[in-house]
Amino acid sequence: MESLPDNQLEMMLHPVGVVKSDIKTPELKANANDIELQTQKEQLRENHQAIKNNICELVIFPKFESLLDGIEDFSHILVLYWPHLIDPERRNLQKVHPMGRKDMPIKGIFSTCSPARPNPILVSAVELVDRNRNILRVKGFEAVDNSPVVDIKPYSTSYYRVDDPIVPEWMAQIHSETQNLE
C-alpha cells in the first residue's frame, strides 16, 4: 500500500462561506423497502424539480469578498461544499444502491454521487443569478441550509467539458427519470 510523506498526511480545509437555503434536511433517499418503487421515482423527480428551481444564497465570509471579483461575468459556477448533516458513520460506507434504490445495482461509493463518502466534499454546477458584494444568489443548488462552502470556481466549458462521456446504464436511467418533469 502506498503512503504519503509525513507532511501530507493531514489536510485542513476551512470554509470560505455558508449556504443559506430553504432546504433544511438532506434530499430523501428512500429505500425500495420503505415505499414502492414508482412512488420513490416520483418523489425523486419532484425533489429534483424543486432543486432545479431553488434559489439560495452563498454567503461568502467578508475576508474573502475580493476573491469574488469578476465572478459575476460567468453564468454558472462550481460550488464545492461539505454536507455537514451527513452522519459521520456513513463516511465508512463502501457500497450503496445509487439513490438508495434497490432496483439499481450496488456500486462502490466513488462510482456514485452519494454524499456519504470518506471525504464528503460535494460539487455542483449552478447558475449564478447575481452577486451583491459577498453574497452570491444561485439557482439549482441542492445543498442544505448552513452547509459550509469550501470553494467556488467559474464554470468554463473549455476546462470542464468532456465530449461524449460514457456513463453506465443505471446512471443514464436515473438521469432520464429525473428530467422532463415539467
N, C-alpha and C. Protein backbone atom coordinates (compact mmCIF):
# COMPACT_ATOMS: atom_id res chain seq x y z
N MET A 1 0.84 -1.18 0.00
CA MET A 1 0.00 0.00 0.00
C MET A 1 0.88 1.24 0.00
N GLU A 2 0.56 2.16 -0.87
CA GLU A 2 1.35 3.40 -0.95
C GLU A 2 1.04 4.29 0.23
N SER A 3 2.01 5.07 0.63
CA SER A 3 1.78 6.01 1.71
C SER A 3 2.27 7.38 1.30
N LEU A 4 1.74 8.37 1.97
CA LEU A 4 2.12 9.76 1.70
C LEU A 4 3.25 10.16 2.64
N PRO A 5 4.04 11.13 2.21
CA PRO A 5 5.06 11.66 3.12
C PRO A 5 4.37 12.27 4.35
N ASP A 6 5.08 12.29 5.48
CA ASP A 6 4.51 12.79 6.73
C ASP A 6 3.88 14.17 6.60
N ASN A 7 4.47 15.04 5.77
CA ASN A 7 3.94 16.40 5.64
C ASN A 7 2.64 16.45 4.82
N GLN A 8 2.19 15.31 4.28
CA GLN A 8 0.95 15.29 3.51
C GLN A 8 -0.12 14.41 4.14
N LEU A 9 0.12 13.93 5.35
CA LEU A 9 -0.85 13.06 6.00
C LEU A 9 -2.07 13.81 6.50
N GLU A 10 -1.91 15.04 6.88
CA GLU A 10 -3.02 15.81 7.42
C GLU A 10 -3.38 16.93 6.45
N MET A 11 -4.67 17.05 6.20
CA MET A 11 -5.16 18.12 5.36
C MET A 11 -6.13 18.94 6.18
N MET A 12 -6.09 20.23 6.02
CA MET A 12 -7.04 21.07 6.73
C MET A 12 -7.79 21.93 5.72
N LEU A 13 -9.10 21.90 5.83
CA LEU A 13 -9.96 22.73 5.00
C LEU A 13 -10.66 23.72 5.91
N HIS A 14 -10.83 24.91 5.41
CA HIS A 14 -11.56 25.93 6.15
C HIS A 14 -12.65 26.47 5.25
N PRO A 15 -13.86 26.60 5.75
CA PRO A 15 -14.93 27.13 4.91
C PRO A 15 -14.64 28.57 4.50
N VAL A 16 -15.11 28.91 3.30
CA VAL A 16 -15.00 30.29 2.81
C VAL A 16 -16.34 31.00 2.90
N GLY A 17 -17.36 30.25 3.26
CA GLY A 17 -18.69 30.81 3.38
C GLY A 17 -19.68 29.75 3.82
N VAL A 18 -20.96 30.11 3.73
CA VAL A 18 -22.02 29.21 4.17
C VAL A 18 -23.22 29.36 3.23
N VAL A 19 -23.96 28.28 3.07
CA VAL A 19 -25.15 28.25 2.23
C VAL A 19 -26.35 28.70 3.06
N LYS A 20 -27.17 29.57 2.49
CA LYS A 20 -28.46 29.95 3.08
C LYS A 20 -29.53 29.47 2.11
N SER A 21 -30.31 28.48 2.55
CA SER A 21 -31.26 27.82 1.66
C SER A 21 -32.53 27.47 2.41
N ASP A 22 -33.61 27.31 1.66
CA ASP A 22 -34.87 26.83 2.23
C ASP A 22 -34.83 25.32 2.46
N ILE A 23 -33.83 24.64 1.91
CA ILE A 23 -33.70 23.20 2.11
C ILE A 23 -33.07 22.98 3.48
N LYS A 24 -33.84 22.39 4.39
CA LYS A 24 -33.40 22.23 5.78
C LYS A 24 -32.89 20.84 6.11
N THR A 25 -33.25 19.85 5.30
CA THR A 25 -32.80 18.48 5.53
C THR A 25 -32.32 17.90 4.21
N PRO A 26 -31.43 16.90 4.27
CA PRO A 26 -30.96 16.29 3.02
C PRO A 26 -32.11 15.69 2.23
N GLU A 27 -31.94 15.67 0.90
CA GLU A 27 -32.95 15.12 0.00
C GLU A 27 -33.24 13.68 0.38
N LEU A 28 -34.51 13.32 0.27
CA LEU A 28 -34.94 11.96 0.59
C LEU A 28 -34.24 10.97 -0.33
N LYS A 29 -33.64 9.98 0.28
CA LYS A 29 -33.05 8.87 -0.46
C LYS A 29 -33.65 7.60 0.13
N ALA A 30 -34.92 7.36 -0.17
CA ALA A 30 -35.64 6.24 0.43
C ALA A 30 -35.19 4.92 -0.15
N ASN A 31 -35.37 3.86 0.60
CA ASN A 31 -35.12 2.51 0.13
C ASN A 31 -36.39 1.95 -0.46
N ALA A 32 -36.25 1.05 -1.42
CA ALA A 32 -37.42 0.42 -2.02
C ALA A 32 -38.24 -0.31 -0.96
N ASN A 33 -37.62 -0.72 0.13
CA ASN A 33 -38.34 -1.38 1.21
C ASN A 33 -39.30 -0.42 1.90
N ASP A 34 -38.98 0.86 1.91
CA ASP A 34 -39.76 1.85 2.62
C ASP A 34 -41.02 2.27 1.87
N ILE A 35 -40.89 2.47 0.59
CA ILE A 35 -42.03 2.88 -0.23
C ILE A 35 -41.93 2.18 -1.58
N GLU A 36 -43.04 2.05 -2.25
CA GLU A 36 -42.99 1.35 -3.53
C GLU A 36 -42.15 2.13 -4.53
N LEU A 37 -41.53 1.40 -5.45
CA LEU A 37 -40.56 1.99 -6.38
C LEU A 37 -41.14 3.13 -7.20
N GLN A 38 -42.37 3.00 -7.72
CA GLN A 38 -42.94 4.06 -8.55
C GLN A 38 -43.11 5.34 -7.74
N THR A 39 -43.56 5.21 -6.49
CA THR A 39 -43.70 6.38 -5.62
C THR A 39 -42.34 7.01 -5.37
N GLN A 40 -41.33 6.17 -5.16
CA GLN A 40 -39.98 6.68 -4.92
C GLN A 40 -39.47 7.44 -6.14
N LYS A 41 -39.68 6.90 -7.34
CA LYS A 41 -39.24 7.59 -8.56
C LYS A 41 -39.93 8.94 -8.69
N GLU A 42 -41.23 8.97 -8.39
CA GLU A 42 -41.97 10.23 -8.46
C GLU A 42 -41.44 11.24 -7.45
N GLN A 43 -41.15 10.78 -6.24
CA GLN A 43 -40.59 11.68 -5.22
C GLN A 43 -39.24 12.23 -5.67
N LEU A 44 -38.39 11.37 -6.24
CA LEU A 44 -37.08 11.82 -6.70
C LEU A 44 -37.22 12.86 -7.80
N ARG A 45 -38.17 12.64 -8.73
CA ARG A 45 -38.41 13.62 -9.80
C ARG A 45 -38.88 14.95 -9.21
N GLU A 46 -39.81 14.88 -8.27
CA GLU A 46 -40.32 16.11 -7.64
C GLU A 46 -39.20 16.83 -6.88
N ASN A 47 -38.40 16.09 -6.14
CA ASN A 47 -37.27 16.70 -5.42
C ASN A 47 -36.30 17.34 -6.40
N HIS A 48 -36.01 16.64 -7.50
CA HIS A 48 -35.08 17.17 -8.50
C HIS A 48 -35.62 18.46 -9.10
N GLN A 49 -36.92 18.48 -9.40
CA GLN A 49 -37.53 19.68 -9.99
C GLN A 49 -37.48 20.84 -9.02
N ALA A 50 -37.77 20.57 -7.74
CA ALA A 50 -37.72 21.63 -6.73
C ALA A 50 -36.31 22.18 -6.60
N ILE A 51 -35.32 21.31 -6.62
CA ILE A 51 -33.92 21.75 -6.51
C ILE A 51 -33.53 22.55 -7.75
N LYS A 52 -33.96 22.09 -8.91
CA LYS A 52 -33.63 22.76 -10.18
C LYS A 52 -34.08 24.22 -10.17
N ASN A 53 -35.19 24.50 -9.50
CA ASN A 53 -35.74 25.86 -9.45
C ASN A 53 -35.39 26.61 -8.17
N ASN A 54 -34.71 25.95 -7.25
CA ASN A 54 -34.38 26.55 -5.95
C ASN A 54 -33.35 27.67 -6.12
N ILE A 55 -33.64 28.81 -5.53
CA ILE A 55 -32.67 29.90 -5.49
C ILE A 55 -32.24 30.07 -4.05
N CYS A 56 -30.94 30.05 -3.83
CA CYS A 56 -30.42 30.22 -2.48
C CYS A 56 -29.22 31.16 -2.52
N GLU A 57 -28.66 31.42 -1.37
CA GLU A 57 -27.53 32.35 -1.27
C GLU A 57 -26.29 31.63 -0.77
N LEU A 58 -25.17 32.01 -1.33
CA LEU A 58 -23.87 31.62 -0.81
C LEU A 58 -23.32 32.87 -0.14
N VAL A 59 -23.25 32.83 1.16
CA VAL A 59 -22.74 33.98 1.91
C VAL A 59 -21.26 33.73 2.14
N ILE A 60 -20.45 34.42 1.37
CA ILE A 60 -19.00 34.27 1.47
C ILE A 60 -18.52 35.19 2.59
N PHE A 61 -17.64 34.67 3.41
CA PHE A 61 -17.16 35.47 4.53
C PHE A 61 -16.49 36.74 4.01
N PRO A 62 -16.75 37.88 4.68
CA PRO A 62 -16.24 39.17 4.19
C PRO A 62 -14.75 39.19 3.88
N LYS A 63 -13.93 38.45 4.62
CA LYS A 63 -12.49 38.48 4.35
C LYS A 63 -12.14 37.87 2.99
N PHE A 64 -13.09 37.12 2.38
CA PHE A 64 -12.86 36.52 1.07
C PHE A 64 -13.60 37.24 -0.06
N GLU A 65 -14.27 38.36 0.26
CA GLU A 65 -15.08 39.05 -0.74
C GLU A 65 -14.29 39.42 -1.99
N SER A 66 -13.07 39.90 -1.84
CA SER A 66 -12.30 40.33 -3.01
C SER A 66 -11.96 39.16 -3.93
N LEU A 67 -12.01 37.92 -3.42
CA LEU A 67 -11.76 36.75 -4.25
C LEU A 67 -12.88 36.53 -5.26
N LEU A 68 -14.03 37.18 -5.04
CA LEU A 68 -15.18 37.05 -5.93
C LEU A 68 -15.12 38.01 -7.11
N ASP A 69 -14.22 38.97 -7.10
CA ASP A 69 -14.17 39.97 -8.17
C ASP A 69 -14.08 39.30 -9.54
N GLY A 70 -15.06 39.58 -10.39
CA GLY A 70 -15.11 39.02 -11.74
C GLY A 70 -16.01 37.81 -11.86
N ILE A 71 -16.42 37.22 -10.75
CA ILE A 71 -17.26 36.01 -10.82
C ILE A 71 -18.60 36.30 -11.48
N GLU A 72 -19.09 37.55 -11.34
CA GLU A 72 -20.39 37.91 -11.91
C GLU A 72 -20.38 37.90 -13.43
N ASP A 73 -19.21 37.79 -14.04
CA ASP A 73 -19.12 37.72 -15.50
C ASP A 73 -19.45 36.32 -16.04
N PHE A 74 -19.63 35.36 -15.14
CA PHE A 74 -19.92 33.98 -15.53
C PHE A 74 -21.40 33.68 -15.31
N SER A 75 -21.97 32.86 -16.17
CA SER A 75 -23.37 32.46 -15.99
C SER A 75 -23.51 31.32 -14.99
N HIS A 76 -22.47 30.52 -14.86
CA HIS A 76 -22.51 29.35 -13.97
C HIS A 76 -21.22 29.25 -13.18
N ILE A 77 -21.34 28.66 -12.00
CA ILE A 77 -20.16 28.43 -11.17
C ILE A 77 -20.22 27.00 -10.61
N LEU A 78 -19.05 26.52 -10.21
CA LEU A 78 -18.96 25.26 -9.49
C LEU A 78 -18.81 25.59 -8.02
N VAL A 79 -19.63 24.96 -7.19
CA VAL A 79 -19.56 25.18 -5.76
C VAL A 79 -19.14 23.87 -5.10
N LEU A 80 -18.05 23.92 -4.36
CA LEU A 80 -17.61 22.77 -3.58
C LEU A 80 -18.05 23.03 -2.14
N TYR A 81 -18.69 22.04 -1.56
CA TYR A 81 -19.24 22.25 -0.23
C TYR A 81 -19.20 20.96 0.58
N TRP A 82 -19.43 21.10 1.88
CA TRP A 82 -19.35 20.00 2.82
C TRP A 82 -20.77 19.66 3.30
N PRO A 83 -21.23 18.42 3.09
CA PRO A 83 -22.57 18.05 3.56
C PRO A 83 -22.56 17.80 5.07
N HIS A 84 -22.70 18.86 5.82
CA HIS A 84 -22.50 18.83 7.27
C HIS A 84 -23.50 17.99 8.05
N LEU A 85 -24.62 17.63 7.46
CA LEU A 85 -25.62 16.83 8.17
C LEU A 85 -25.47 15.33 7.93
N ILE A 86 -24.49 14.93 7.14
CA ILE A 86 -24.26 13.50 6.91
C ILE A 86 -23.72 12.89 8.20
N ASP A 87 -24.34 11.81 8.62
CA ASP A 87 -23.90 11.10 9.82
C ASP A 87 -22.46 10.63 9.61
N PRO A 88 -21.56 10.96 10.53
CA PRO A 88 -20.15 10.55 10.38
C PRO A 88 -19.98 9.05 10.16
N GLU A 89 -20.88 8.24 10.69
CA GLU A 89 -20.81 6.79 10.48
C GLU A 89 -20.96 6.42 9.01
N ARG A 90 -21.74 7.23 8.29
CA ARG A 90 -21.97 6.94 6.86
C ARG A 90 -20.71 7.17 6.04
N ARG A 91 -19.73 7.86 6.60
CA ARG A 91 -18.47 8.07 5.87
C ARG A 91 -17.69 6.77 5.71
N ASN A 92 -18.11 5.73 6.42
CA ASN A 92 -17.46 4.42 6.32
C ASN A 92 -18.12 3.52 5.29
N LEU A 93 -19.24 3.96 4.70
CA LEU A 93 -19.91 3.15 3.69
C LEU A 93 -18.96 2.91 2.52
N GLN A 94 -19.00 1.72 2.00
CA GLN A 94 -18.16 1.41 0.86
C GLN A 94 -18.97 1.19 -0.41
N LYS A 95 -20.17 0.65 -0.26
CA LYS A 95 -21.03 0.37 -1.41
C LYS A 95 -22.46 0.76 -1.09
N VAL A 96 -23.18 1.20 -2.12
CA VAL A 96 -24.58 1.60 -1.96
C VAL A 96 -25.36 1.27 -3.23
N HIS A 97 -26.67 1.25 -3.08
CA HIS A 97 -27.55 1.27 -4.25
C HIS A 97 -27.70 2.75 -4.61
N PRO A 98 -27.37 3.16 -5.84
CA PRO A 98 -27.50 4.57 -6.21
C PRO A 98 -28.88 5.13 -5.88
N MET A 99 -28.90 6.30 -5.27
CA MET A 99 -30.13 6.99 -4.87
C MET A 99 -30.93 6.17 -3.87
N GLY A 100 -30.30 5.17 -3.24
CA GLY A 100 -30.99 4.32 -2.28
C GLY A 100 -31.98 3.37 -2.92
N ARG A 101 -31.91 3.22 -4.24
CA ARG A 101 -32.89 2.42 -4.97
C ARG A 101 -32.41 0.99 -5.11
N LYS A 102 -33.18 0.08 -4.56
CA LYS A 102 -32.83 -1.35 -4.60
C LYS A 102 -32.92 -1.92 -6.01
N ASP A 103 -33.59 -1.21 -6.94
CA ASP A 103 -33.66 -1.69 -8.31
C ASP A 103 -32.40 -1.34 -9.10
N MET A 104 -31.50 -0.60 -8.49
CA MET A 104 -30.23 -0.24 -9.12
C MET A 104 -29.13 -1.14 -8.57
N PRO A 105 -28.12 -1.44 -9.39
CA PRO A 105 -27.05 -2.33 -8.91
C PRO A 105 -26.22 -1.67 -7.81
N ILE A 106 -25.77 -2.46 -6.87
CA ILE A 106 -24.93 -1.94 -5.80
C ILE A 106 -23.57 -1.56 -6.39
N LYS A 107 -23.08 -0.38 -6.01
CA LYS A 107 -21.84 0.17 -6.59
C LYS A 107 -20.95 0.73 -5.49
N GLY A 108 -19.68 0.84 -5.78
CA GLY A 108 -18.74 1.48 -4.86
C GLY A 108 -19.05 2.96 -4.75
N ILE A 109 -18.84 3.51 -3.58
CA ILE A 109 -19.15 4.93 -3.31
C ILE A 109 -18.53 5.85 -4.35
N PHE A 110 -17.29 5.60 -4.77
CA PHE A 110 -16.63 6.50 -5.72
C PHE A 110 -17.26 6.47 -7.11
N SER A 111 -18.10 5.48 -7.40
CA SER A 111 -18.77 5.47 -8.70
C SER A 111 -20.20 6.01 -8.61
N THR A 112 -20.54 6.60 -7.47
CA THR A 112 -21.87 7.20 -7.30
C THR A 112 -21.73 8.67 -6.90
N CYS A 113 -22.85 9.34 -6.84
CA CYS A 113 -22.88 10.73 -6.39
C CYS A 113 -23.32 10.82 -4.94
N SER A 114 -23.24 9.74 -4.22
CA SER A 114 -23.66 9.71 -2.82
C SER A 114 -22.88 10.74 -2.00
N PRO A 115 -23.57 11.44 -1.10
CA PRO A 115 -22.85 12.37 -0.23
C PRO A 115 -22.09 11.63 0.88
N ALA A 116 -22.42 10.36 1.09
CA ALA A 116 -21.73 9.56 2.11
C ALA A 116 -20.44 9.03 1.51
N ARG A 117 -19.32 9.67 1.84
CA ARG A 117 -18.02 9.32 1.26
C ARG A 117 -16.95 9.53 2.33
N PRO A 118 -15.76 8.97 2.13
CA PRO A 118 -14.69 9.16 3.12
C PRO A 118 -14.40 10.64 3.39
N ASN A 119 -14.33 11.43 2.35
CA ASN A 119 -14.18 12.89 2.46
C ASN A 119 -15.37 13.51 1.74
N PRO A 120 -16.42 13.83 2.48
CA PRO A 120 -17.65 14.28 1.81
C PRO A 120 -17.57 15.71 1.29
N ILE A 121 -16.76 15.87 0.27
CA ILE A 121 -16.70 17.15 -0.44
C ILE A 121 -17.55 16.97 -1.69
N LEU A 122 -18.60 17.76 -1.78
CA LEU A 122 -19.51 17.65 -2.92
C LEU A 122 -19.30 18.84 -3.84
N VAL A 123 -19.67 18.65 -5.11
CA VAL A 123 -19.53 19.72 -6.09
C VAL A 123 -20.81 19.80 -6.92
N SER A 124 -21.25 21.02 -7.18
CA SER A 124 -22.43 21.24 -8.01
C SER A 124 -22.16 22.40 -8.96
N ALA A 125 -22.60 22.21 -10.20
CA ALA A 125 -22.59 23.32 -11.16
C ALA A 125 -23.95 24.00 -11.03
N VAL A 126 -23.93 25.30 -10.77
CA VAL A 126 -25.17 26.05 -10.56
C VAL A 126 -25.16 27.33 -11.37
N GLU A 127 -26.36 27.83 -11.64
CA GLU A 127 -26.49 29.11 -12.34
C GLU A 127 -26.26 30.24 -11.35
N LEU A 128 -25.42 31.18 -11.72
CA LEU A 128 -25.18 32.37 -10.90
C LEU A 128 -26.22 33.41 -11.30
N VAL A 129 -27.14 33.68 -10.39
CA VAL A 129 -28.22 34.64 -10.66
C VAL A 129 -27.71 36.06 -10.52
N ASP A 130 -27.04 36.34 -9.40
CA ASP A 130 -26.43 37.66 -9.23
C ASP A 130 -25.47 37.66 -8.04
N ARG A 131 -24.72 38.74 -7.96
CA ARG A 131 -23.78 38.95 -6.87
C ARG A 131 -24.07 40.30 -6.24
N ASN A 132 -24.11 40.33 -4.92
CA ASN A 132 -24.21 41.57 -4.17
C ASN A 132 -23.11 41.52 -3.11
N ARG A 133 -21.99 42.13 -3.44
CA ARG A 133 -20.80 42.14 -2.57
C ARG A 133 -20.33 40.73 -2.27
N ASN A 134 -20.54 40.24 -1.05
CA ASN A 134 -20.05 38.91 -0.68
C ASN A 134 -21.15 37.83 -0.74
N ILE A 135 -22.29 38.18 -1.33
CA ILE A 135 -23.40 37.22 -1.41
C ILE A 135 -23.67 36.88 -2.87
N LEU A 136 -23.64 35.58 -3.15
CA LEU A 136 -23.97 35.08 -4.49
C LEU A 136 -25.33 34.40 -4.41
N ARG A 137 -26.24 34.81 -5.27
CA ARG A 137 -27.52 34.11 -5.39
C ARG A 137 -27.38 33.13 -6.54
N VAL A 138 -27.71 31.87 -6.26
CA VAL A 138 -27.54 30.82 -7.26
C VAL A 138 -28.84 30.03 -7.41
N LYS A 139 -28.98 29.41 -8.56
CA LYS A 139 -30.18 28.63 -8.86
C LYS A 139 -29.78 27.19 -9.15
N GLY A 140 -30.57 26.26 -8.59
CA GLY A 140 -30.34 24.84 -8.88
C GLY A 140 -29.37 24.17 -7.94
N PHE A 141 -29.24 24.68 -6.72
CA PHE A 141 -28.27 24.15 -5.77
C PHE A 141 -28.99 23.30 -4.73
N GLU A 142 -28.51 22.06 -4.53
CA GLU A 142 -29.18 21.12 -3.64
C GLU A 142 -28.64 21.11 -2.22
N ALA A 143 -27.72 21.99 -1.89
CA ALA A 143 -27.12 21.98 -0.55
C ALA A 143 -28.13 22.38 0.52
N VAL A 144 -27.96 21.80 1.67
CA VAL A 144 -28.81 22.06 2.83
C VAL A 144 -28.37 23.37 3.49
N ASP A 145 -29.32 24.06 4.09
CA ASP A 145 -29.05 25.31 4.80
C ASP A 145 -27.89 25.13 5.78
N ASN A 146 -27.02 26.11 5.81
CA ASN A 146 -25.83 26.16 6.67
C ASN A 146 -24.70 25.22 6.27
N SER A 147 -24.79 24.63 5.07
CA SER A 147 -23.66 23.81 4.60
C SER A 147 -22.46 24.71 4.40
N PRO A 148 -21.28 24.30 4.88
CA PRO A 148 -20.08 25.10 4.65
C PRO A 148 -19.66 25.08 3.17
N VAL A 149 -19.34 26.24 2.63
CA VAL A 149 -18.81 26.35 1.27
C VAL A 149 -17.30 26.22 1.38
N VAL A 150 -16.73 25.29 0.63
CA VAL A 150 -15.29 25.03 0.67
C VAL A 150 -14.55 25.83 -0.40
N ASP A 151 -15.16 25.96 -1.59
CA ASP A 151 -14.51 26.67 -2.68
C ASP A 151 -15.54 27.01 -3.75
N ILE A 152 -15.20 27.96 -4.59
CA ILE A 152 -16.02 28.36 -5.74
C ILE A 152 -15.09 28.49 -6.93
N LYS A 153 -15.54 27.98 -8.05
CA LYS A 153 -14.77 28.08 -9.29
C LYS A 153 -15.72 28.51 -10.41
N PRO A 154 -15.23 29.28 -11.36
CA PRO A 154 -16.09 29.60 -12.50
C PRO A 154 -16.27 28.36 -13.36
N TYR A 155 -17.47 28.20 -13.91
CA TYR A 155 -17.70 27.08 -14.82
C TYR A 155 -17.27 27.51 -16.21
N SER A 156 -16.41 26.73 -16.81
CA SER A 156 -15.91 27.01 -18.15
C SER A 156 -15.93 25.72 -18.95
N THR A 157 -16.62 25.74 -20.09
CA THR A 157 -16.68 24.51 -20.90
C THR A 157 -15.31 24.09 -21.39
N SER A 158 -14.41 25.03 -21.57
CA SER A 158 -13.08 24.64 -22.05
C SER A 158 -12.30 23.88 -20.98
N TYR A 159 -12.63 24.08 -19.70
CA TYR A 159 -11.97 23.35 -18.62
C TYR A 159 -12.70 22.06 -18.26
N TYR A 160 -14.03 22.11 -18.24
CA TYR A 160 -14.80 21.02 -17.65
C TYR A 160 -15.61 20.20 -18.64
N ARG A 161 -15.65 20.61 -19.86
CA ARG A 161 -16.45 19.89 -20.84
C ARG A 161 -15.71 18.66 -21.33
N VAL A 162 -16.47 17.60 -21.42
CA VAL A 162 -15.96 16.36 -21.97
C VAL A 162 -16.91 15.97 -23.10
N ASP A 163 -16.37 15.75 -24.28
CA ASP A 163 -17.20 15.35 -25.41
C ASP A 163 -17.56 13.87 -25.29
N ASP A 164 -18.83 13.57 -25.45
CA ASP A 164 -19.34 12.21 -25.48
C ASP A 164 -18.90 11.35 -24.29
N PRO A 165 -19.18 11.79 -23.07
CA PRO A 165 -18.84 10.96 -21.92
C PRO A 165 -19.67 9.68 -21.90
N ILE A 166 -19.13 8.65 -21.36
CA ILE A 166 -19.84 7.38 -21.22
C ILE A 166 -20.24 7.22 -19.76
N VAL A 167 -21.50 6.93 -19.53
CA VAL A 167 -21.99 6.64 -18.18
C VAL A 167 -22.68 5.28 -18.23
N PRO A 168 -22.69 4.57 -17.10
CA PRO A 168 -23.37 3.28 -17.10
C PRO A 168 -24.87 3.43 -17.28
N GLU A 169 -25.51 2.35 -17.70
CA GLU A 169 -26.94 2.37 -17.98
C GLU A 169 -27.75 2.82 -16.76
N TRP A 170 -27.38 2.38 -15.56
CA TRP A 170 -28.15 2.76 -14.36
C TRP A 170 -28.11 4.27 -14.13
N MET A 171 -26.96 4.91 -14.39
CA MET A 171 -26.85 6.36 -14.21
C MET A 171 -27.68 7.08 -15.27
N ALA A 172 -27.63 6.60 -16.50
CA ALA A 172 -28.44 7.20 -17.57
C ALA A 172 -29.93 7.06 -17.25
N GLN A 173 -30.33 5.94 -16.66
CA GLN A 173 -31.72 5.73 -16.29
C GLN A 173 -32.15 6.73 -15.20
N ILE A 174 -31.32 6.91 -14.18
CA ILE A 174 -31.65 7.87 -13.12
C ILE A 174 -31.76 9.27 -13.71
N HIS A 175 -30.81 9.64 -14.57
CA HIS A 175 -30.85 10.96 -15.20
C HIS A 175 -32.13 11.13 -16.01
N SER A 176 -32.48 10.13 -16.79
CA SER A 176 -33.68 10.18 -17.62
C SER A 176 -34.93 10.33 -16.75
N GLU A 177 -34.99 9.61 -15.64
CA GLU A 177 -36.16 9.65 -14.77
C GLU A 177 -36.32 10.96 -14.03
N THR A 178 -35.24 11.69 -13.82
CA THR A 178 -35.34 12.95 -13.09
C THR A 178 -35.50 14.15 -14.00
N GLN A 179 -35.46 13.96 -15.30
CA GLN A 179 -35.60 15.04 -16.26
C GLN A 179 -37.03 15.12 -16.78
N ASN A 180 -37.33 16.22 -17.45
CA ASN A 180 -38.59 16.39 -18.16
C ASN A 180 -39.83 16.19 -17.31
N LEU A 181 -39.79 16.73 -16.10
CA LEU A 181 -40.94 16.64 -15.21
C LEU A 181 -41.99 17.69 -15.53
N GLU A 182 -41.57 18.80 -16.15
CA GLU A 182 -42.48 19.92 -16.35
C GLU A 182 -43.72 19.57 -17.10
